[in-house]
Amino acid sequence: MDWTLEVIVLPVTDLDRARDFYRDKIGFHVDIDGEVMPGARVVQLTPPGSGCSIALTDGIPNPTGDPQPGTYHGLQLCVTDIDAAHAELVARGAEVSEPQRYAPEDGATFMYFTDPDGNGWAVQEYRRRLTEPLHQVLADLAAKGAGETAD
C-alpha cells in the first residue's frame, strides 16, 4: 500500500491573510477556498510542481489536538536554483533571508521565511532535481521493488 503525504494542515489566525500571503507573496496555487461543510472553511494551496499541499482551516475539528498558529517550523520547499527562487520571492514582496551556503555540496544551501503568523519555512536548493525529478526517482525505486533504499 502506498502512503502519500499530500496535505499538511497549517495553523493560522486569519485564513484570508494567510491565503493572500501564500498565493501572492510565495506563489502557491489556490486549489480550494470555500465552505466544505456547514461552518467549516478550507483553503488549500499547492506550491508549483509539488505533490503536497497546505490546508488552512476554520471550523474543522482535529481529534488529535489543535496546534497553535506560529508553532510550525521546519516546513521545507526544494528548488533547483535558489538565487532565482530568492529573486522571485523578493519581487513578490516576501521577506526572505539571503541564501546561506553551508557547504559546497548540492543540497547544502538554504534560505528562510515565515508567514504572517510566524510559521517557519526553509527553502533548500537541490540542483540534482533538474535531471532527477523526485517523482521519477520514486517511480524508479518502486519499479525496482520494495526493500531497496534511495541514495
N, C-alpha and C. Protein backbone atom coordinates (compact mmCIF):
# COMPACT_ATOMS: atom_id res chain seq x y z
N MET A 1 0.85 -1.18 0.00
CA MET A 1 0.00 0.00 0.00
C MET A 1 0.89 1.24 0.00
N ASP A 2 0.57 2.19 -0.87
CA ASP A 2 1.28 3.47 -0.89
C ASP A 2 0.72 4.37 0.19
N TRP A 3 1.58 5.12 0.83
CA TRP A 3 1.19 6.14 1.81
C TRP A 3 1.77 7.44 1.31
N THR A 4 0.93 8.32 0.83
CA THR A 4 1.42 9.57 0.26
C THR A 4 1.11 10.73 1.18
N LEU A 5 2.09 11.58 1.39
CA LEU A 5 1.89 12.81 2.15
C LEU A 5 1.39 13.85 1.15
N GLU A 6 0.13 14.25 1.29
CA GLU A 6 -0.47 15.14 0.32
C GLU A 6 -0.93 16.47 0.88
N VAL A 7 -1.24 16.54 2.17
CA VAL A 7 -1.72 17.78 2.76
C VAL A 7 -1.17 17.94 4.17
N ILE A 8 -0.70 19.13 4.47
CA ILE A 8 -0.29 19.50 5.82
C ILE A 8 -1.19 20.63 6.27
N VAL A 9 -1.90 20.41 7.37
CA VAL A 9 -2.78 21.45 7.90
C VAL A 9 -1.91 22.42 8.68
N LEU A 10 -1.94 23.67 8.27
CA LEU A 10 -1.08 24.70 8.85
C LEU A 10 -1.93 25.65 9.69
N PRO A 11 -1.62 25.80 10.98
CA PRO A 11 -2.43 26.66 11.83
C PRO A 11 -2.14 28.14 11.60
N VAL A 12 -3.21 28.90 11.33
CA VAL A 12 -3.09 30.34 11.12
C VAL A 12 -4.25 31.03 11.84
N THR A 13 -4.12 32.32 12.07
CA THR A 13 -5.18 33.06 12.76
C THR A 13 -6.19 33.66 11.80
N ASP A 14 -5.78 33.94 10.57
CA ASP A 14 -6.66 34.62 9.62
C ASP A 14 -6.49 33.94 8.26
N LEU A 15 -7.50 33.18 7.85
CA LEU A 15 -7.41 32.42 6.60
C LEU A 15 -7.19 33.31 5.38
N ASP A 16 -7.90 34.44 5.32
CA ASP A 16 -7.75 35.31 4.15
C ASP A 16 -6.34 35.90 4.08
N ARG A 17 -5.83 36.37 5.21
CA ARG A 17 -4.48 36.95 5.23
C ARG A 17 -3.45 35.90 4.85
N ALA A 18 -3.58 34.69 5.40
CA ALA A 18 -2.63 33.62 5.09
C ALA A 18 -2.76 33.19 3.62
N ARG A 19 -3.99 33.06 3.13
CA ARG A 19 -4.20 32.70 1.72
C ARG A 19 -3.52 33.72 0.80
N ASP A 20 -3.75 35.00 1.09
CA ASP A 20 -3.16 36.05 0.27
C ASP A 20 -1.64 36.00 0.32
N PHE A 21 -1.06 35.74 1.50
CA PHE A 21 0.39 35.65 1.64
C PHE A 21 0.94 34.50 0.79
N TYR A 22 0.38 33.31 0.98
CA TYR A 22 0.91 32.15 0.25
C TYR A 22 0.66 32.25 -1.25
N ARG A 23 -0.45 32.81 -1.64
CA ARG A 23 -0.76 32.97 -3.07
C ARG A 23 0.08 34.09 -3.69
N ASP A 24 0.04 35.28 -3.09
CA ASP A 24 0.63 36.46 -3.72
C ASP A 24 2.12 36.61 -3.47
N LYS A 25 2.57 36.30 -2.28
CA LYS A 25 3.99 36.53 -1.96
C LYS A 25 4.86 35.30 -2.18
N ILE A 26 4.28 34.10 -2.00
CA ILE A 26 5.07 32.88 -2.14
C ILE A 26 4.80 32.18 -3.46
N GLY A 27 3.64 32.42 -4.06
CA GLY A 27 3.36 31.88 -5.39
C GLY A 27 2.65 30.54 -5.41
N PHE A 28 2.03 30.13 -4.29
CA PHE A 28 1.28 28.89 -4.26
C PHE A 28 -0.02 29.06 -5.05
N HIS A 29 -0.52 27.96 -5.59
CA HIS A 29 -1.79 27.94 -6.31
C HIS A 29 -2.92 27.64 -5.33
N VAL A 30 -4.01 28.39 -5.40
CA VAL A 30 -5.18 28.13 -4.56
C VAL A 30 -6.01 27.03 -5.23
N ASP A 31 -6.07 25.87 -4.58
CA ASP A 31 -6.82 24.73 -5.10
C ASP A 31 -8.27 24.76 -4.65
N ILE A 32 -8.47 25.10 -3.39
CA ILE A 32 -9.80 25.12 -2.78
C ILE A 32 -9.87 26.35 -1.89
N ASP A 33 -10.99 27.02 -1.91
CA ASP A 33 -11.26 28.09 -0.95
C ASP A 33 -12.77 28.16 -0.77
N GLY A 34 -13.26 27.50 0.25
CA GLY A 34 -14.69 27.53 0.45
C GLY A 34 -15.13 26.71 1.64
N GLU A 35 -16.43 26.78 1.86
CA GLU A 35 -17.05 26.04 2.94
C GLU A 35 -17.21 24.59 2.49
N VAL A 36 -16.62 23.67 3.22
CA VAL A 36 -16.67 22.25 2.85
C VAL A 36 -17.77 21.50 3.57
N MET A 37 -18.27 22.09 4.64
CA MET A 37 -19.45 21.62 5.36
C MET A 37 -19.94 22.82 6.17
N PRO A 38 -21.15 22.80 6.64
CA PRO A 38 -21.67 23.97 7.36
C PRO A 38 -20.73 24.44 8.48
N GLY A 39 -20.30 25.71 8.39
CA GLY A 39 -19.44 26.30 9.41
C GLY A 39 -17.97 25.91 9.32
N ALA A 40 -17.56 25.24 8.27
CA ALA A 40 -16.17 24.79 8.14
C ALA A 40 -15.60 25.24 6.80
N ARG A 41 -14.55 26.02 6.84
CA ARG A 41 -13.91 26.53 5.63
C ARG A 41 -12.51 25.93 5.49
N VAL A 42 -12.16 25.63 4.27
CA VAL A 42 -10.82 25.13 3.95
C VAL A 42 -10.26 25.95 2.80
N VAL A 43 -9.01 26.38 2.98
CA VAL A 43 -8.24 26.98 1.89
C VAL A 43 -7.05 26.05 1.69
N GLN A 44 -6.99 25.42 0.53
CA GLN A 44 -5.88 24.52 0.22
C GLN A 44 -5.04 25.14 -0.87
N LEU A 45 -3.73 25.18 -0.64
CA LEU A 45 -2.79 25.78 -1.59
C LEU A 45 -1.65 24.81 -1.87
N THR A 46 -1.17 24.82 -3.11
CA THR A 46 -0.10 23.92 -3.51
C THR A 46 1.05 24.70 -4.14
N PRO A 47 2.28 24.43 -3.68
CA PRO A 47 3.44 25.05 -4.33
C PRO A 47 3.55 24.55 -5.78
N PRO A 48 4.01 25.37 -6.70
CA PRO A 48 4.18 24.92 -8.09
C PRO A 48 5.05 23.67 -8.16
N GLY A 49 4.56 22.65 -8.84
CA GLY A 49 5.31 21.42 -9.03
C GLY A 49 5.27 20.45 -7.88
N SER A 50 4.56 20.76 -6.81
CA SER A 50 4.56 19.92 -5.62
C SER A 50 3.43 18.90 -5.64
N GLY A 51 3.66 17.79 -4.99
CA GLY A 51 2.63 16.78 -4.78
C GLY A 51 2.01 16.89 -3.40
N CYS A 52 2.41 17.90 -2.64
CA CYS A 52 1.88 18.10 -1.29
C CYS A 52 1.40 19.54 -1.16
N SER A 53 0.25 19.69 -0.51
CA SER A 53 -0.37 21.00 -0.33
C SER A 53 -0.39 21.37 1.14
N ILE A 54 -0.71 22.64 1.40
CA ILE A 54 -1.03 23.06 2.75
C ILE A 54 -2.52 23.36 2.79
N ALA A 55 -3.12 23.14 3.95
CA ALA A 55 -4.53 23.46 4.15
C ALA A 55 -4.64 24.40 5.34
N LEU A 56 -5.35 25.48 5.13
CA LEU A 56 -5.66 26.44 6.18
C LEU A 56 -7.13 26.20 6.49
N THR A 57 -7.47 26.00 7.75
CA THR A 57 -8.83 25.60 8.07
C THR A 57 -9.42 26.44 9.20
N ASP A 58 -10.74 26.50 9.18
CA ASP A 58 -11.50 27.14 10.25
C ASP A 58 -12.77 26.33 10.44
N GLY A 59 -13.02 25.88 11.67
CA GLY A 59 -14.22 25.13 11.96
C GLY A 59 -14.11 23.65 11.69
N ILE A 60 -12.91 23.15 11.42
CA ILE A 60 -12.70 21.72 11.19
C ILE A 60 -12.15 21.12 12.49
N PRO A 61 -12.84 20.15 13.07
CA PRO A 61 -12.31 19.55 14.30
C PRO A 61 -11.06 18.72 14.02
N ASN A 62 -10.14 18.74 14.96
CA ASN A 62 -8.92 17.93 14.85
C ASN A 62 -8.87 17.03 16.07
N PRO A 63 -9.21 15.75 15.92
CA PRO A 63 -9.29 14.86 17.07
C PRO A 63 -7.96 14.62 17.77
N THR A 64 -6.83 14.92 17.13
CA THR A 64 -5.54 14.71 17.78
C THR A 64 -5.01 15.96 18.45
N GLY A 65 -5.72 17.08 18.36
CA GLY A 65 -5.30 18.32 19.00
C GLY A 65 -5.19 19.45 18.01
N ASP A 66 -5.27 20.64 18.52
CA ASP A 66 -5.20 21.83 17.68
C ASP A 66 -3.89 22.56 17.88
N PRO A 67 -2.98 22.51 16.89
CA PRO A 67 -1.74 23.27 17.01
C PRO A 67 -2.02 24.76 16.98
N GLN A 68 -1.16 25.52 17.59
CA GLN A 68 -1.32 26.97 17.66
C GLN A 68 -0.63 27.64 16.47
N PRO A 69 -1.25 28.69 15.92
CA PRO A 69 -0.62 29.44 14.83
C PRO A 69 0.79 29.90 15.23
N GLY A 70 1.70 29.79 14.29
CA GLY A 70 3.07 30.23 14.52
C GLY A 70 3.96 29.18 15.16
N THR A 71 3.44 27.98 15.39
CA THR A 71 4.23 26.95 16.07
C THR A 71 4.88 25.95 15.12
N TYR A 72 4.56 26.03 13.84
CA TYR A 72 5.16 25.10 12.88
C TYR A 72 6.48 25.69 12.38
N HIS A 73 7.53 24.90 12.49
CA HIS A 73 8.84 25.29 11.98
C HIS A 73 9.48 24.07 11.35
N GLY A 74 10.24 24.29 10.31
CA GLY A 74 10.88 23.18 9.63
C GLY A 74 10.16 22.71 8.38
N LEU A 75 9.10 23.40 8.00
CA LEU A 75 8.49 23.10 6.71
C LEU A 75 9.52 23.43 5.64
N GLN A 76 9.61 22.60 4.61
CA GLN A 76 10.70 22.81 3.66
C GLN A 76 10.25 22.64 2.22
N LEU A 77 10.64 23.60 1.42
CA LEU A 77 10.45 23.55 -0.02
C LEU A 77 11.80 23.29 -0.67
N CYS A 78 11.81 22.67 -1.83
CA CYS A 78 13.05 22.44 -2.57
C CYS A 78 12.95 23.11 -3.94
N VAL A 79 14.04 23.73 -4.36
CA VAL A 79 14.13 24.38 -5.66
C VAL A 79 15.44 23.98 -6.31
N THR A 80 15.51 24.13 -7.63
CA THR A 80 16.75 23.78 -8.33
C THR A 80 17.69 24.97 -8.47
N ASP A 81 17.20 26.19 -8.24
CA ASP A 81 18.03 27.39 -8.36
C ASP A 81 17.61 28.37 -7.26
N ILE A 82 18.36 28.38 -6.18
CA ILE A 82 17.96 29.20 -5.04
C ILE A 82 18.08 30.69 -5.32
N ASP A 83 19.02 31.08 -6.15
CA ASP A 83 19.15 32.51 -6.46
C ASP A 83 17.93 33.00 -7.25
N ALA A 84 17.47 32.20 -8.22
CA ALA A 84 16.27 32.56 -8.97
C ALA A 84 15.04 32.55 -8.06
N ALA A 85 14.95 31.56 -7.16
CA ALA A 85 13.83 31.50 -6.22
C ALA A 85 13.85 32.70 -5.28
N HIS A 86 15.03 33.08 -4.82
CA HIS A 86 15.15 34.25 -3.94
C HIS A 86 14.69 35.50 -4.67
N ALA A 87 15.15 35.68 -5.90
CA ALA A 87 14.76 36.85 -6.69
C ALA A 87 13.25 36.88 -6.90
N GLU A 88 12.64 35.73 -7.17
CA GLU A 88 11.19 35.67 -7.37
C GLU A 88 10.44 36.06 -6.10
N LEU A 89 10.86 35.52 -4.97
CA LEU A 89 10.18 35.84 -3.71
C LEU A 89 10.32 37.32 -3.35
N VAL A 90 11.50 37.86 -3.54
CA VAL A 90 11.72 39.29 -3.25
C VAL A 90 10.86 40.14 -4.18
N ALA A 91 10.79 39.77 -5.46
CA ALA A 91 9.97 40.52 -6.41
C ALA A 91 8.48 40.46 -6.05
N ARG A 92 8.06 39.38 -5.40
CA ARG A 92 6.68 39.24 -4.97
C ARG A 92 6.41 40.00 -3.66
N GLY A 93 7.48 40.52 -3.05
CA GLY A 93 7.31 41.27 -1.81
C GLY A 93 7.47 40.45 -0.55
N ALA A 94 7.95 39.21 -0.67
CA ALA A 94 8.16 38.37 0.50
C ALA A 94 9.44 38.76 1.22
N GLU A 95 9.40 38.69 2.54
CA GLU A 95 10.61 38.89 3.33
C GLU A 95 11.26 37.52 3.50
N VAL A 96 12.42 37.36 2.88
CA VAL A 96 13.12 36.08 2.88
C VAL A 96 14.60 36.35 3.15
N SER A 97 15.24 35.44 3.87
CA SER A 97 16.66 35.61 4.15
C SER A 97 17.47 35.47 2.87
N GLU A 98 18.68 35.96 2.91
CA GLU A 98 19.61 35.71 1.81
C GLU A 98 19.95 34.21 1.82
N PRO A 99 20.22 33.63 0.66
CA PRO A 99 20.64 32.23 0.64
C PRO A 99 21.91 32.03 1.48
N GLN A 100 21.91 30.97 2.24
CA GLN A 100 23.06 30.63 3.10
C GLN A 100 23.65 29.32 2.60
N ARG A 101 24.90 29.37 2.17
CA ARG A 101 25.58 28.19 1.66
C ARG A 101 26.40 27.60 2.80
N TYR A 102 25.90 26.49 3.33
CA TYR A 102 26.56 25.85 4.47
C TYR A 102 27.74 24.98 4.05
N ALA A 103 27.74 24.52 2.80
CA ALA A 103 28.81 23.69 2.26
C ALA A 103 28.68 23.74 0.74
N PRO A 104 29.73 23.37 0.01
CA PRO A 104 29.65 23.44 -1.46
C PRO A 104 28.79 22.34 -2.09
N GLU A 105 28.48 21.30 -1.35
CA GLU A 105 27.71 20.18 -1.90
C GLU A 105 26.29 20.60 -2.26
N ASP A 106 25.73 19.90 -3.24
CA ASP A 106 24.34 20.11 -3.62
C ASP A 106 23.46 19.76 -2.42
N GLY A 107 22.49 20.59 -2.15
CA GLY A 107 21.59 20.36 -1.02
C GLY A 107 22.00 21.08 0.25
N ALA A 108 23.07 21.84 0.21
CA ALA A 108 23.58 22.49 1.42
C ALA A 108 23.35 24.00 1.42
N THR A 109 22.46 24.49 0.56
CA THR A 109 22.16 25.92 0.51
C THR A 109 20.68 26.12 0.83
N PHE A 110 20.42 27.06 1.76
CA PHE A 110 19.06 27.29 2.26
C PHE A 110 18.78 28.78 2.37
N MET A 111 17.49 29.11 2.33
CA MET A 111 17.02 30.43 2.72
C MET A 111 15.74 30.20 3.52
N TYR A 112 15.29 31.24 4.23
CA TYR A 112 14.21 31.05 5.19
C TYR A 112 13.21 32.20 5.14
N PHE A 113 11.94 31.87 5.46
CA PHE A 113 10.92 32.90 5.61
C PHE A 113 9.88 32.41 6.61
N THR A 114 9.09 33.34 7.11
CA THR A 114 7.97 33.00 7.98
C THR A 114 6.70 33.60 7.39
N ASP A 115 5.58 32.96 7.70
CA ASP A 115 4.30 33.51 7.25
C ASP A 115 3.83 34.57 8.25
N PRO A 116 2.71 35.23 8.01
CA PRO A 116 2.27 36.31 8.90
C PRO A 116 2.03 35.86 10.35
N ASP A 117 1.82 34.56 10.59
CA ASP A 117 1.63 34.07 11.95
C ASP A 117 2.93 33.61 12.59
N GLY A 118 4.00 33.52 11.81
CA GLY A 118 5.28 33.08 12.36
C GLY A 118 5.63 31.63 12.08
N ASN A 119 4.82 30.91 11.30
CA ASN A 119 5.19 29.55 10.90
C ASN A 119 6.42 29.65 10.01
N GLY A 120 7.42 28.82 10.28
CA GLY A 120 8.71 28.95 9.61
C GLY A 120 8.96 27.95 8.51
N TRP A 121 9.51 28.45 7.42
CA TRP A 121 9.82 27.65 6.24
C TRP A 121 11.30 27.76 5.89
N ALA A 122 11.83 26.66 5.37
CA ALA A 122 13.15 26.65 4.75
C ALA A 122 12.96 26.37 3.26
N VAL A 123 13.82 26.94 2.46
CA VAL A 123 13.86 26.63 1.03
C VAL A 123 15.27 26.09 0.76
N GLN A 124 15.34 24.87 0.27
CA GLN A 124 16.61 24.20 0.02
C GLN A 124 16.88 24.14 -1.47
N GLU A 125 18.09 24.47 -1.85
CA GLU A 125 18.49 24.28 -3.24
C GLU A 125 18.97 22.84 -3.41
N TYR A 126 18.36 22.16 -4.36
CA TYR A 126 18.75 20.79 -4.69
C TYR A 126 18.82 20.71 -6.21
N ARG A 127 20.00 21.09 -6.75
CA ARG A 127 20.19 21.19 -8.20
C ARG A 127 19.99 19.85 -8.91
N ARG A 128 20.23 18.77 -8.21
CA ARG A 128 20.10 17.43 -8.80
C ARG A 128 18.69 17.19 -9.35
N ARG A 129 17.70 17.87 -8.82
CA ARG A 129 16.33 17.68 -9.27
C ARG A 129 16.11 18.17 -10.70
N LEU A 130 17.04 18.94 -11.26
CA LEU A 130 16.94 19.32 -12.68
C LEU A 130 16.97 18.09 -13.57
N THR A 131 17.83 17.14 -13.25
CA THR A 131 17.99 15.94 -14.06
C THR A 131 17.33 14.71 -13.44
N GLU A 132 17.03 14.78 -12.14
CA GLU A 132 16.41 13.66 -11.45
C GLU A 132 15.21 14.15 -10.64
N PRO A 133 14.06 14.41 -11.31
CA PRO A 133 12.88 14.87 -10.58
C PRO A 133 12.47 13.82 -9.54
N LEU A 134 12.01 14.29 -8.40
CA LEU A 134 11.66 13.39 -7.30
C LEU A 134 10.64 12.34 -7.73
N HIS A 135 9.62 12.74 -8.50
CA HIS A 135 8.61 11.76 -8.92
C HIS A 135 9.24 10.63 -9.73
N GLN A 136 10.27 10.94 -10.54
CA GLN A 136 10.93 9.91 -11.34
C GLN A 136 11.79 9.01 -10.46
N VAL A 137 12.50 9.59 -9.50
CA VAL A 137 13.31 8.80 -8.57
C VAL A 137 12.42 7.82 -7.82
N LEU A 138 11.26 8.29 -7.35
CA LEU A 138 10.34 7.42 -6.61
C LEU A 138 9.75 6.34 -7.50
N ALA A 139 9.42 6.68 -8.74
CA ALA A 139 8.90 5.68 -9.68
C ALA A 139 9.95 4.62 -9.97
N ASP A 140 11.20 5.03 -10.14
CA ASP A 140 12.28 4.08 -10.39
C ASP A 140 12.47 3.15 -9.20
N LEU A 141 12.40 3.70 -7.99
CA LEU A 141 12.54 2.88 -6.79
C LEU A 141 11.40 1.87 -6.70
N ALA A 142 10.19 2.32 -7.00
CA ALA A 142 9.05 1.42 -6.94
C ALA A 142 9.19 0.29 -7.96
N ALA A 143 9.73 0.60 -9.13
CA ALA A 143 9.92 -0.40 -10.18
C ALA A 143 10.96 -1.44 -9.78
N LYS A 144 11.95 -1.02 -8.99
CA LYS A 144 12.99 -1.95 -8.54
C LYS A 144 12.47 -2.90 -7.48
N GLY A 145 11.41 -2.49 -6.81
CA GLY A 145 10.83 -3.37 -5.80
C GLY A 145 11.02 -2.81 -4.40
N ALA A 146 10.18 -3.24 -3.53
CA ALA A 146 10.22 -2.81 -2.12
C ALA A 146 11.48 -3.33 -1.45
N GLY A 147 11.89 -2.62 -0.42
CA GLY A 147 13.04 -3.04 0.35
C GLY A 147 14.34 -2.37 0.00
N GLU A 148 14.42 -1.79 -1.19
CA GLU A 148 15.63 -1.06 -1.56
C GLU A 148 15.48 0.39 -1.15
N THR A 149 16.57 1.04 -0.85
CA THR A 149 16.52 2.43 -0.39
C THR A 149 17.16 3.35 -1.41
N ALA A 150 16.80 4.64 -1.31
CA ALA A 150 17.37 5.67 -2.20
C ALA A 150 18.78 6.00 -1.78
N ASP A 151 19.53 6.59 -2.71
CA ASP A 151 20.89 7.01 -2.39
C ASP A 151 20.92 8.32 -1.69
